[in-house]
N, C-alpha and C. Protein backbone atom coordinates (compact mmCIF):
# COMPACT_ATOMS: atom_id res chain seq x y z
N MET A 1 -31.48 10.31 -43.28
CA MET A 1 -30.87 9.02 -43.46
C MET A 1 -29.52 9.21 -44.14
N ASN A 2 -28.51 8.57 -43.61
CA ASN A 2 -27.18 8.65 -44.19
C ASN A 2 -27.03 7.62 -45.29
N HIS A 3 -26.36 8.03 -46.36
CA HIS A 3 -26.19 7.13 -47.49
C HIS A 3 -24.86 6.38 -47.44
N SER A 4 -24.01 6.73 -46.52
CA SER A 4 -22.74 6.04 -46.36
C SER A 4 -22.86 5.08 -45.18
N PHE A 5 -22.41 3.87 -45.37
CA PHE A 5 -22.50 2.86 -44.31
C PHE A 5 -21.58 3.22 -43.14
N TYR A 6 -20.46 3.84 -43.42
CA TYR A 6 -19.48 4.15 -42.38
C TYR A 6 -19.87 5.36 -41.54
N SER A 7 -20.59 6.29 -42.12
CA SER A 7 -20.99 7.47 -41.36
C SER A 7 -22.42 7.39 -40.85
N ALA A 8 -23.04 6.23 -40.94
CA ALA A 8 -24.42 6.07 -40.51
C ALA A 8 -24.51 6.07 -38.99
N ASP A 9 -25.62 6.57 -38.50
CA ASP A 9 -25.81 6.61 -37.05
C ASP A 9 -26.53 5.35 -36.57
N ARG A 10 -26.84 5.30 -35.31
CA ARG A 10 -27.45 4.11 -34.70
C ARG A 10 -28.83 3.82 -35.28
N THR A 11 -29.60 4.84 -35.61
CA THR A 11 -30.93 4.64 -36.16
C THR A 11 -30.87 3.96 -37.52
N THR A 12 -29.92 4.38 -38.34
CA THR A 12 -29.78 3.78 -39.66
C THR A 12 -29.37 2.31 -39.55
N HIS A 13 -28.44 2.01 -38.66
CA HIS A 13 -28.03 0.62 -38.45
C HIS A 13 -29.20 -0.22 -37.94
N SER A 14 -30.01 0.35 -37.06
CA SER A 14 -31.18 -0.37 -36.55
C SER A 14 -32.18 -0.67 -37.66
N LYS A 15 -32.38 0.28 -38.55
CA LYS A 15 -33.29 0.06 -39.68
C LYS A 15 -32.78 -1.06 -40.58
N ILE A 16 -31.48 -1.09 -40.82
CA ILE A 16 -30.90 -2.14 -41.65
C ILE A 16 -31.09 -3.50 -41.00
N VAL A 17 -30.86 -3.59 -39.71
CA VAL A 17 -31.02 -4.86 -39.00
C VAL A 17 -32.47 -5.32 -39.01
N ILE A 18 -33.40 -4.40 -38.81
CA ILE A 18 -34.81 -4.74 -38.79
C ILE A 18 -35.27 -5.24 -40.17
N VAL A 19 -34.85 -4.56 -41.23
CA VAL A 19 -35.22 -4.99 -42.58
C VAL A 19 -34.61 -6.37 -42.89
N ALA A 20 -33.38 -6.61 -42.46
CA ALA A 20 -32.74 -7.91 -42.69
C ALA A 20 -33.47 -9.01 -41.93
N LEU A 21 -33.89 -8.76 -40.71
CA LEU A 21 -34.64 -9.75 -39.94
C LEU A 21 -36.00 -10.05 -40.57
N ILE A 22 -36.67 -9.03 -41.06
CA ILE A 22 -37.95 -9.23 -41.72
C ILE A 22 -37.78 -10.07 -42.98
N CYS A 23 -36.74 -9.78 -43.77
CA CYS A 23 -36.49 -10.55 -44.99
C CYS A 23 -36.12 -11.99 -44.67
N ALA A 24 -35.30 -12.20 -43.65
CA ALA A 24 -34.91 -13.57 -43.27
C ALA A 24 -36.12 -14.35 -42.77
N THR A 25 -36.99 -13.71 -42.03
CA THR A 25 -38.21 -14.37 -41.56
C THR A 25 -39.13 -14.71 -42.73
N ALA A 26 -39.22 -13.82 -43.69
CA ALA A 26 -40.06 -14.09 -44.87
C ALA A 26 -39.51 -15.26 -45.68
N VAL A 27 -38.20 -15.30 -45.87
CA VAL A 27 -37.59 -16.41 -46.62
C VAL A 27 -37.79 -17.72 -45.89
N ALA A 28 -37.60 -17.72 -44.57
CA ALA A 28 -37.80 -18.94 -43.79
C ALA A 28 -39.27 -19.37 -43.84
N GLY A 29 -40.19 -18.45 -43.74
CA GLY A 29 -41.61 -18.79 -43.80
C GLY A 29 -42.02 -19.35 -45.15
N ILE A 30 -41.50 -18.76 -46.22
CA ILE A 30 -41.82 -19.25 -47.56
C ILE A 30 -41.24 -20.64 -47.77
N SER A 31 -40.01 -20.86 -47.29
CA SER A 31 -39.39 -22.17 -47.49
C SER A 31 -40.08 -23.25 -46.66
N ILE A 32 -40.55 -22.92 -45.48
CA ILE A 32 -41.28 -23.89 -44.67
C ILE A 32 -42.64 -24.19 -45.32
N ALA A 33 -43.29 -23.17 -45.85
CA ALA A 33 -44.58 -23.38 -46.51
C ALA A 33 -44.43 -24.16 -47.80
N ALA A 34 -43.31 -23.99 -48.50
CA ALA A 34 -43.10 -24.68 -49.77
C ALA A 34 -42.73 -26.13 -49.56
N HIS A 35 -42.19 -26.46 -48.42
CA HIS A 35 -41.80 -27.84 -48.13
C HIS A 35 -43.03 -28.57 -47.63
N SER A 36 -43.72 -29.19 -48.56
CA SER A 36 -44.97 -29.87 -48.19
C SER A 36 -44.74 -31.37 -48.19
N SER A 37 -44.52 -31.94 -47.02
CA SER A 37 -44.42 -33.39 -46.90
C SER A 37 -45.59 -33.86 -46.05
N THR A 38 -46.25 -34.89 -46.53
CA THR A 38 -47.41 -35.40 -45.80
C THR A 38 -47.08 -36.76 -45.24
N GLY A 39 -46.67 -36.79 -44.02
CA GLY A 39 -46.49 -38.03 -43.29
C GLY A 39 -45.40 -38.95 -43.80
N ASP A 40 -45.79 -40.01 -44.52
CA ASP A 40 -44.88 -41.09 -44.88
C ASP A 40 -43.97 -40.78 -46.06
N GLU A 41 -44.19 -39.69 -46.75
CA GLU A 41 -43.37 -39.38 -47.91
C GLU A 41 -41.91 -39.18 -47.54
N ALA A 42 -41.65 -38.62 -46.39
CA ALA A 42 -40.28 -38.34 -45.99
C ALA A 42 -39.54 -39.60 -45.55
N THR A 43 -40.26 -40.68 -45.18
CA THR A 43 -39.58 -41.87 -44.70
C THR A 43 -39.26 -42.86 -45.80
N HIS A 44 -39.91 -42.78 -46.96
CA HIS A 44 -39.66 -43.71 -48.06
C HIS A 44 -38.60 -43.13 -48.99
N VAL A 45 -37.46 -43.79 -49.04
CA VAL A 45 -36.37 -43.32 -49.87
C VAL A 45 -36.01 -44.45 -50.83
N SER A 46 -35.93 -44.15 -52.10
CA SER A 46 -35.52 -45.15 -53.07
C SER A 46 -34.03 -45.01 -53.34
N VAL A 47 -33.35 -46.15 -53.40
CA VAL A 47 -31.91 -46.16 -53.61
C VAL A 47 -31.63 -46.53 -55.05
N ILE A 48 -30.80 -45.75 -55.70
CA ILE A 48 -30.41 -46.02 -57.08
C ILE A 48 -28.95 -46.45 -57.05
N LYS A 49 -28.68 -47.67 -57.54
CA LYS A 49 -27.32 -48.18 -57.56
C LYS A 49 -26.68 -47.89 -58.91
N ALA A 50 -25.41 -47.58 -58.87
CA ALA A 50 -24.68 -47.31 -60.10
C ALA A 50 -24.34 -48.61 -60.80
N GLY A 51 -24.41 -48.60 -62.10
CA GLY A 51 -24.07 -49.78 -62.89
C GLY A 51 -22.59 -49.75 -63.25
N LYS A 52 -22.25 -50.46 -64.32
CA LYS A 52 -20.87 -50.48 -64.79
C LYS A 52 -20.52 -49.15 -65.43
N THR A 53 -19.25 -48.82 -65.39
CA THR A 53 -18.80 -47.57 -66.00
C THR A 53 -18.83 -47.71 -67.51
N ALA A 54 -19.15 -46.65 -68.18
CA ALA A 54 -19.20 -46.64 -69.64
C ALA A 54 -18.22 -45.60 -70.13
N THR A 55 -17.42 -45.97 -71.10
CA THR A 55 -16.46 -45.06 -71.68
C THR A 55 -17.03 -44.52 -72.98
N VAL A 56 -17.10 -43.21 -73.06
CA VAL A 56 -17.63 -42.56 -74.25
C VAL A 56 -16.49 -41.78 -74.87
N ALA A 57 -16.20 -42.05 -76.13
CA ALA A 57 -15.09 -41.37 -76.80
C ALA A 57 -15.60 -40.63 -78.02
N SER A 58 -15.03 -39.49 -78.24
CA SER A 58 -15.30 -38.74 -79.46
C SER A 58 -13.97 -38.20 -79.97
N ALA A 59 -13.99 -37.47 -81.03
CA ALA A 59 -12.77 -36.94 -81.61
C ALA A 59 -12.14 -35.87 -80.72
N ILE A 60 -12.95 -35.25 -79.87
CA ILE A 60 -12.46 -34.12 -79.09
C ILE A 60 -12.03 -34.54 -77.69
N GLU A 61 -12.83 -35.31 -76.99
CA GLU A 61 -12.53 -35.61 -75.59
C GLU A 61 -12.98 -37.03 -75.24
N LEU A 62 -12.51 -37.52 -74.11
CA LEU A 62 -12.85 -38.83 -73.60
C LEU A 62 -13.52 -38.66 -72.25
N ALA A 63 -14.71 -39.22 -72.06
CA ALA A 63 -15.44 -39.07 -70.81
C ALA A 63 -15.79 -40.45 -70.26
N VAL A 64 -15.52 -40.67 -68.98
CA VAL A 64 -15.89 -41.91 -68.33
C VAL A 64 -17.09 -41.61 -67.46
N ARG A 65 -18.17 -42.33 -67.68
CA ARG A 65 -19.39 -42.08 -66.92
C ARG A 65 -19.79 -43.31 -66.19
């Protein structure tokens, strides 16, 4: 196995691609399994409206929230 990316042969590049595909598949599988929505949960969205702006002042900085 070559340790330099530039002098690597076709076999080394193939191994890198295969490992990357396996890792990407694992990440996608874990994220799909972690996303657990049961039916109606995804359709109900609550909307939060912003109120009036509040000005907060201190000796150091001024922040408008």
